[in-house]
């Protein structure tokens, strides 16, 4: 009986090791696929930054409900984000709150991030367009695995930051 226990234990350990090694390989494969997807959608300018957390310069940070985003395509930027903070010049239209605009005239500068990923600066060029007239530029830092932070710098408002994720743009707004 003792002679059967040793080979059985060896087989159990081999099976456990193979399972762990396979799980690690699968996790590495998934991460590599995610990195490749993020790289492709960012370089193709075909993504959505989905904000899930806001960090105003003044006041408390808070989680956001679903639906706040920045949609990026080659020819259009669409921002639909909330704003919390100090405004030095109130908008003439009270419904013009938040960071809400569509821009087809903008500069888009993409650079490699310090630890992989991307650092992107988007500057709307329409000075008189409803909603974006206050936005000087947006800075988007995207990690290679799709986590991102967005800072919005305005002319008449305190800066505001958002944390979220990058996803592929699919029939979005």
C-alpha atoms as a PDB file:
ATOM      1  CA  UNK A   1       0.000   0.000   0.000  1.00  0.00           C
ATOM      2  CA  UNK A   2       2.887   2.376   0.860  1.00  0.00           C
ATOM      3  CA  UNK A   3       4.316   1.866  -2.602  1.00  0.00           C
ATOM      4  CA  UNK A   4       1.102   3.211  -4.173  1.00  0.00           C
ATOM      5  CA  UNK A   5       0.938   6.349  -2.010  1.00  0.00           C
ATOM      6  CA  UNK A   6       4.198   7.899  -3.254  1.00  0.00           C
ATOM      7  CA  UNK A   7       3.402   7.627  -6.994  1.00  0.00           C
ATOM      8  CA  UNK A   8      -0.153   8.847  -6.355  1.00  0.00           C
ATOM      9  CA  UNK A   9       1.119  11.919  -4.473  1.00  0.00           C
ATOM     10  CA  UNK A  10       3.602  12.632  -7.261  1.00  0.00           C
ATOM     11  CA  UNK A  11       0.793  12.473  -9.834  1.00  0.00           C
ATOM     12  CA  UNK A  12      -1.421  14.781  -7.739  1.00  0.00           C
ATOM     13  CA  UNK A  13       1.396  17.346  -7.446  1.00  0.00           C
ATOM     14  CA  UNK A  14       2.097  17.157 -11.193  1.00  0.00           C
ATOM     15  CA  UNK A  15      -1.602  17.692 -11.960  1.00  0.00           C
ATOM     16  CA  UNK A  16      -1.769  20.671  -9.575  1.00  0.00           C
ATOM     17  CA  UNK A  17       1.374  22.214 -11.069  1.00  0.00           C
ATOM     18  CA  UNK A  18       0.033  21.778 -14.621  1.00  0.00           C
ATOM     19  CA  UNK A  19      -3.264  23.422 -13.665  1.00  0.00           C
ATOM     20  CA  UNK A  20      -1.511  26.414 -12.059  1.00  0.00           C
ATOM     21  CA  UNK A  21       0.883  26.777 -15.013  1.00  0.00           C
ATOM     22  CA  UNK A  22      -2.025  26.641 -17.462  1.00  0.00           C
ATOM     23  CA  UNK A  23      -3.956  29.278 -15.490  1.00  0.00           C
ATOM     24  CA  UNK A  24      -0.907  31.570 -15.495  1.00  0.00           C
ATOM     25  CA  UNK A  25      -0.474  31.100 -19.253  1.00  0.00           C
ATOM     26  CA  UNK A  26      -4.150  31.884 -19.835  1.00  0.00           C
ATOM     27  CA  UNK A  27      -3.899  35.054 -17.721  1.00  0.00           C
ATOM     28  CA  UNK A  28      -0.800  36.162 -19.662  1.00  0.00           C
ATOM     29  CA  UNK A  29      -2.574  35.475 -22.962  1.00  0.00           C
ATOM     30  CA  UNK A  30      -5.602  37.503 -21.853  1.00  0.00           C
ATOM     31  CA  UNK A  31      -3.395  40.413 -20.774  1.00  0.00           C
ATOM     32  CA  UNK A  32      -1.473  40.346 -24.065  1.00  0.00           C
ATOM     33  CA  UNK A  33      -4.749  40.327 -26.007  1.00  0.00           C
ATOM     34  CA  UNK A  34      -6.062  43.274 -23.942  1.00  0.00           C
ATOM     35  CA  UNK A  35      -2.838  45.252 -24.526  1.00  0.00           C
ATOM     36  CA  UNK A  36      -3.075  44.566 -28.279  1.00  0.00           C
ATOM     37  CA  UNK A  37      -6.733  45.660 -28.353  1.00  0.00           C
ATOM     38  CA  UNK A  38      -6.032  48.887 -26.437  1.00  0.00           C
ATOM     39  CA  UNK A  39      -3.086  49.696 -28.713  1.00  0.00           C
ATOM     40  CA  UNK A  40      -5.185  49.108 -31.837  1.00  0.00           C
ATOM     41  CA  UNK A  41      -8.229  51.136 -30.811  1.00  0.00           C
ATOM     42  CA  UNK A  42      -6.128  54.049 -29.533  1.00  0.00           C
ATOM     43  CA  UNK A  43      -3.901  54.225 -32.606  1.00  0.00           C
ATOM     44  CA  UNK A  44      -7.003  53.886 -34.834  1.00  0.00           C
ATOM     45  CA  UNK A  45      -8.753  56.660 -32.830  1.00  0.00           C
ATOM     46  CA  UNK A  46     -11.758  54.425 -32.308  1.00  0.00           C
ATOM     47  CA  UNK A  47     -12.471  54.356 -28.581  1.00  0.00           C
ATOM     48  CA  UNK A  48     -14.616  55.547 -25.712  1.00  0.00           C
ATOM     49  CA  UNK A  49     -13.316  56.745 -22.353  1.00  0.00           C
ATOM     50  CA  UNK A  50     -16.002  55.648 -19.874  1.00  0.00           C
ATOM     51  CA  UNK A  51     -15.746  57.770 -16.733  1.00  0.00           C
ATOM     52  CA  UNK A  52     -16.605  56.021 -13.479  1.00  0.00           C
ATOM     53  CA  UNK A  53     -15.012  58.361 -10.935  1.00  0.00           C
ATOM     54  CA  UNK A  54     -14.700  62.156 -10.768  1.00  0.00           C
ATOM     55  CA  UNK A  55     -12.041  64.126  -8.873  1.00  0.00           C
ATOM     56  CA  UNK A  56     -12.899  67.841  -8.751  1.00  0.00           C
ATOM     57  CA  UNK A  57     -10.233  70.327  -7.688  1.00  0.00           C
ATOM     58  CA  UNK A  58     -12.535  71.479  -4.877  1.00  0.00           C
ATOM     59  CA  UNK A  59     -14.931  69.261  -3.010  1.00  0.00           C
ATOM     60  CA  UNK A  60     -15.234  65.529  -2.655  1.00  0.00           C
ATOM     61  CA  UNK A  61     -14.363  62.883  -5.198  1.00  0.00           C
ATOM     62  CA  UNK A  62     -17.222  60.557  -6.054  1.00  0.00           C
ATOM     63  CA  UNK A  63     -18.279  57.593  -8.124  1.00  0.00           C
ATOM     64  CA  UNK A  64     -20.284  58.291 -11.253  1.00  0.00           C
ATOM     65  CA  UNK A  65     -23.282  56.498 -12.610  1.00  0.00           C
ATOM     66  CA  UNK A  66     -23.136  54.901 -16.037  1.00  0.00           C
ATOM     67  CA  UNK A  67     -23.289  57.100 -19.123  1.00  0.00           C
ATOM     68  CA  UNK A  68     -20.546  59.725 -18.751  1.00  0.00           C
ATOM     69  CA  UNK A  69     -17.962  59.436 -21.480  1.00  0.00           C
ATOM     70  CA  UNK A  70     -15.611  60.904 -24.045  1.00  0.00           C
ATOM     71  CA  UNK A  71     -16.040  59.367 -27.500  1.00  0.00           C
ATOM     72  CA  UNK A  72     -13.028  59.612 -29.815  1.00  0.00           C
ATOM     73  CA  UNK A  73     -13.041  58.933 -33.548  1.00  0.00           C
ATOM     74  CA  UNK A  74     -10.749  60.139 -36.334  1.00  0.00           C
ATOM     75  CA  UNK A  75     -12.937  63.118 -37.190  1.00  0.00           C
ATOM     76  CA  UNK A  76     -15.099  63.794 -34.108  1.00  0.00           C
ATOM     77  CA  UNK A  77     -14.775  64.162 -30.352  1.00  0.00           C
ATOM     78  CA  UNK A  78     -17.951  63.956 -28.247  1.00  0.00           C
ATOM     79  CA  UNK A  79     -17.759  64.804 -24.537  1.00  0.00           C
ATOM     80  CA  UNK A  80     -20.574  64.136 -22.104  1.00  0.00           C
ATOM     81  CA  UNK A  81     -19.132  64.596 -18.618  1.00  0.00           C
ATOM     82  CA  UNK A  82     -20.371  66.214 -15.402  1.00  0.00           C
ATOM     83  CA  UNK A  83     -18.711  69.225 -13.795  1.00  0.00           C
ATOM     84  CA  UNK A  84     -18.247  69.922 -10.082  1.00  0.00           C
ATOM     85  CA  UNK A  85     -16.205  72.921  -9.092  1.00  0.00           C
ATOM     86  CA  UNK A  86     -15.774  76.654  -9.262  1.00  0.00           C
ATOM     87  CA  UNK A  87     -16.906  78.552 -12.344  1.00  0.00           C
ATOM     88  CA  UNK A  88     -15.610  82.109 -12.811  1.00  0.00           C
ATOM     89  CA  UNK A  89     -17.912  82.939 -15.737  1.00  0.00           C
ATOM     90  CA  UNK A  90     -21.273  81.189 -15.778  1.00  0.00           C
ATOM     91  CA  UNK A  91     -22.543  79.915 -19.139  1.00  0.00           C
ATOM     92  CA  UNK A  92     -25.216  82.073 -20.783  1.00  0.00           C
ATOM     93  CA  UNK A  93     -27.341  78.948 -21.289  1.00  0.00           C
ATOM     94  CA  UNK A  94     -28.122  77.219 -17.951  1.00  0.00           C
ATOM     95  CA  UNK A  95     -28.424  73.850 -19.737  1.00  0.00           C
ATOM     96  CA  UNK A  96     -24.769  74.236 -20.812  1.00  0.00           C
ATOM     97  CA  UNK A  97     -23.515  72.764 -17.524  1.00  0.00           C
ATOM     98  CA  UNK A  98     -20.965  70.002 -17.394  1.00  0.00           C
ATOM     99  CA  UNK A  99     -18.366  69.297 -20.043  1.00  0.00           C
ATOM    100  CA  UNK A 100     -20.635  68.625 -23.024  1.00  0.00           C
ATOM    101  CA  UNK A 101     -19.627  69.254 -26.601  1.00  0.00           C
ATOM    102  CA  UNK A 102     -19.085  67.796 -30.036  1.00  0.00           C
ATOM    103  CA  UNK A 103     -16.033  68.901 -31.980  1.00  0.00           C
ATOM    104  CA  UNK A 104     -14.959  68.143 -35.530  1.00  0.00           C
ATOM    105  CA  UNK A 105     -12.137  70.701 -35.494  1.00  0.00           C
ATOM    106  CA  UNK A 106      -9.484  69.682 -32.969  1.00  0.00           C
ATOM    107  CA  UNK A 107      -5.826  68.822 -32.628  1.00  0.00           C
ATOM    108  CA  UNK A 108      -4.940  65.354 -31.382  1.00  0.00           C
ATOM    109  CA  UNK A 109      -1.407  64.659 -30.157  1.00  0.00           C
ATOM    110  CA  UNK A 110      -0.558  61.070 -29.166  1.00  0.00           C
ATOM    111  CA  UNK A 111       2.698  60.187 -27.407  1.00  0.00           C
ATOM    112  CA  UNK A 112       3.931  56.996 -25.744  1.00  0.00           C
ATOM    113  CA  UNK A 113       3.254  56.912 -21.992  1.00  0.00           C
ATOM    114  CA  UNK A 114       6.085  56.722 -19.456  1.00  0.00           C
ATOM    115  CA  UNK A 115       5.223  53.147 -18.415  1.00  0.00           C
ATOM    116  CA  UNK A 116       3.669  51.958 -21.655  1.00  0.00           C
ATOM    117  CA  UNK A 117       0.277  53.089 -22.813  1.00  0.00           C
ATOM    118  CA  UNK A 118      -0.422  56.527 -24.251  1.00  0.00           C
ATOM    119  CA  UNK A 119      -0.460  60.221 -23.313  1.00  0.00           C
ATOM    120  CA  UNK A 120      -2.947  62.104 -25.479  1.00  0.00           C
ATOM    121  CA  UNK A 121      -3.715  65.823 -25.663  1.00  0.00           C
ATOM    122  CA  UNK A 122      -6.901  66.925 -27.423  1.00  0.00           C
ATOM    123  CA  UNK A 123      -7.461  70.635 -28.108  1.00  0.00           C
ATOM    124  CA  UNK A 124     -10.843  71.739 -29.534  1.00  0.00           C
ATOM    125  CA  UNK A 125     -10.375  74.618 -31.977  1.00  0.00           C
ATOM    126  CA  UNK A 126     -13.951  75.952 -32.209  1.00  0.00           C
ATOM    127  CA  UNK A 127     -13.892  78.985 -29.932  1.00  0.00           C
ATOM    128  CA  UNK A 128     -17.543  79.896 -30.356  1.00  0.00           C
ATOM    129  CA  UNK A 129     -19.095  76.421 -30.371  1.00  0.00           C
ATOM    130  CA  UNK A 130     -21.714  75.675 -27.730  1.00  0.00           C
ATOM    131  CA  UNK A 131     -20.223  73.652 -24.871  1.00  0.00           C
ATOM    132  CA  UNK A 132     -16.565  73.562 -25.918  1.00  0.00           C
ATOM    133  CA  UNK A 133     -15.889  77.299 -25.825  1.00  0.00           C
ATOM    134  CA  UNK A 134     -14.756  76.890 -22.232  1.00  0.00           C
ATOM    135  CA  UNK A 135     -12.533  73.819 -22.782  1.00  0.00           C
ATOM    136  CA  UNK A 136      -8.894  74.700 -23.467  1.00  0.00           C
ATOM    137  CA  UNK A 137      -7.686  71.119 -23.753  1.00  0.00           C
ATOM    138  CA  UNK A 138      -8.143  67.564 -22.521  1.00  0.00           C
ATOM    139  CA  UNK A 139      -5.284  65.343 -21.367  1.00  0.00           C
ATOM    140  CA  UNK A 140      -5.906  61.614 -21.478  1.00  0.00           C
ATOM    141  CA  UNK A 141      -3.433  59.141 -19.946  1.00  0.00           C
ATOM    142  CA  UNK A 142      -4.164  55.562 -20.984  1.00  0.00           C
ATOM    143  CA  UNK A 143      -2.413  52.554 -19.464  1.00  0.00           C
ATOM    144  CA  UNK A 144      -1.568  49.616 -21.705  1.00  0.00           C
ATOM    145  CA  UNK A 145      -4.336  47.544 -20.106  1.00  0.00           C
ATOM    146  CA  UNK A 146      -7.073  50.138 -20.649  1.00  0.00           C
ATOM    147  CA  UNK A 147      -7.328  52.074 -17.406  1.00  0.00           C
ATOM    148  CA  UNK A 148      -7.287  55.809 -17.991  1.00  0.00           C
ATOM    149  CA  UNK A 149      -7.398  59.231 -16.388  1.00  0.00           C
ATOM    150  CA  UNK A 150      -8.749  62.332 -18.087  1.00  0.00           C
ATOM    151  CA  UNK A 151      -7.993  65.907 -17.040  1.00  0.00           C
ATOM    152  CA  UNK A 152     -10.124  68.734 -18.439  1.00  0.00           C
ATOM    153  CA  UNK A 153      -8.612  72.225 -18.464  1.00  0.00           C
ATOM    154  CA  UNK A 154     -10.984  75.130 -19.062  1.00  0.00           C
ATOM    155  CA  UNK A 155     -10.785  78.897 -19.429  1.00  0.00           C
ATOM    156  CA  UNK A 156     -13.454  79.783 -16.863  1.00  0.00           C
ATOM    157  CA  UNK A 157     -13.587  76.722 -14.598  1.00  0.00           C
ATOM    158  CA  UNK A 158     -11.337  74.880 -12.192  1.00  0.00           C
ATOM    159  CA  UNK A 159      -9.633  71.830 -13.734  1.00  0.00           C
ATOM    160  CA  UNK A 160     -11.401  68.529 -13.156  1.00  0.00           C
ATOM    161  CA  UNK A 161     -10.205  64.915 -13.461  1.00  0.00           C
ATOM    162  CA  UNK A 162     -11.940  61.640 -14.209  1.00  0.00           C
ATOM    163  CA  UNK A 163     -10.844  58.020 -13.868  1.00  0.00           C
ATOM    164  CA  UNK A 164     -12.265  55.263 -16.011  1.00  0.00           C
ATOM    165  CA  UNK A 165     -11.584  52.732 -18.722  1.00  0.00           C
ATOM    166  CA  UNK A 166     -11.047  52.698 -22.468  1.00  0.00           C
ATOM    167  CA  UNK A 167     -13.266  50.511 -24.609  1.00  0.00           C
ATOM    168  CA  UNK A 168     -13.721  50.063 -28.328  1.00  0.00           C
ATOM    169  CA  UNK A 169     -16.232  52.480 -29.901  1.00  0.00           C
ATOM    170  CA  UNK A 170     -19.180  50.478 -31.199  1.00  0.00           C
ATOM    171  CA  UNK A 171     -22.267  52.238 -32.530  1.00  0.00           C
ATOM    172  CA  UNK A 172     -21.835  54.767 -29.766  1.00  0.00           C
ATOM    173  CA  UNK A 173     -23.715  58.070 -29.647  1.00  0.00           C
END
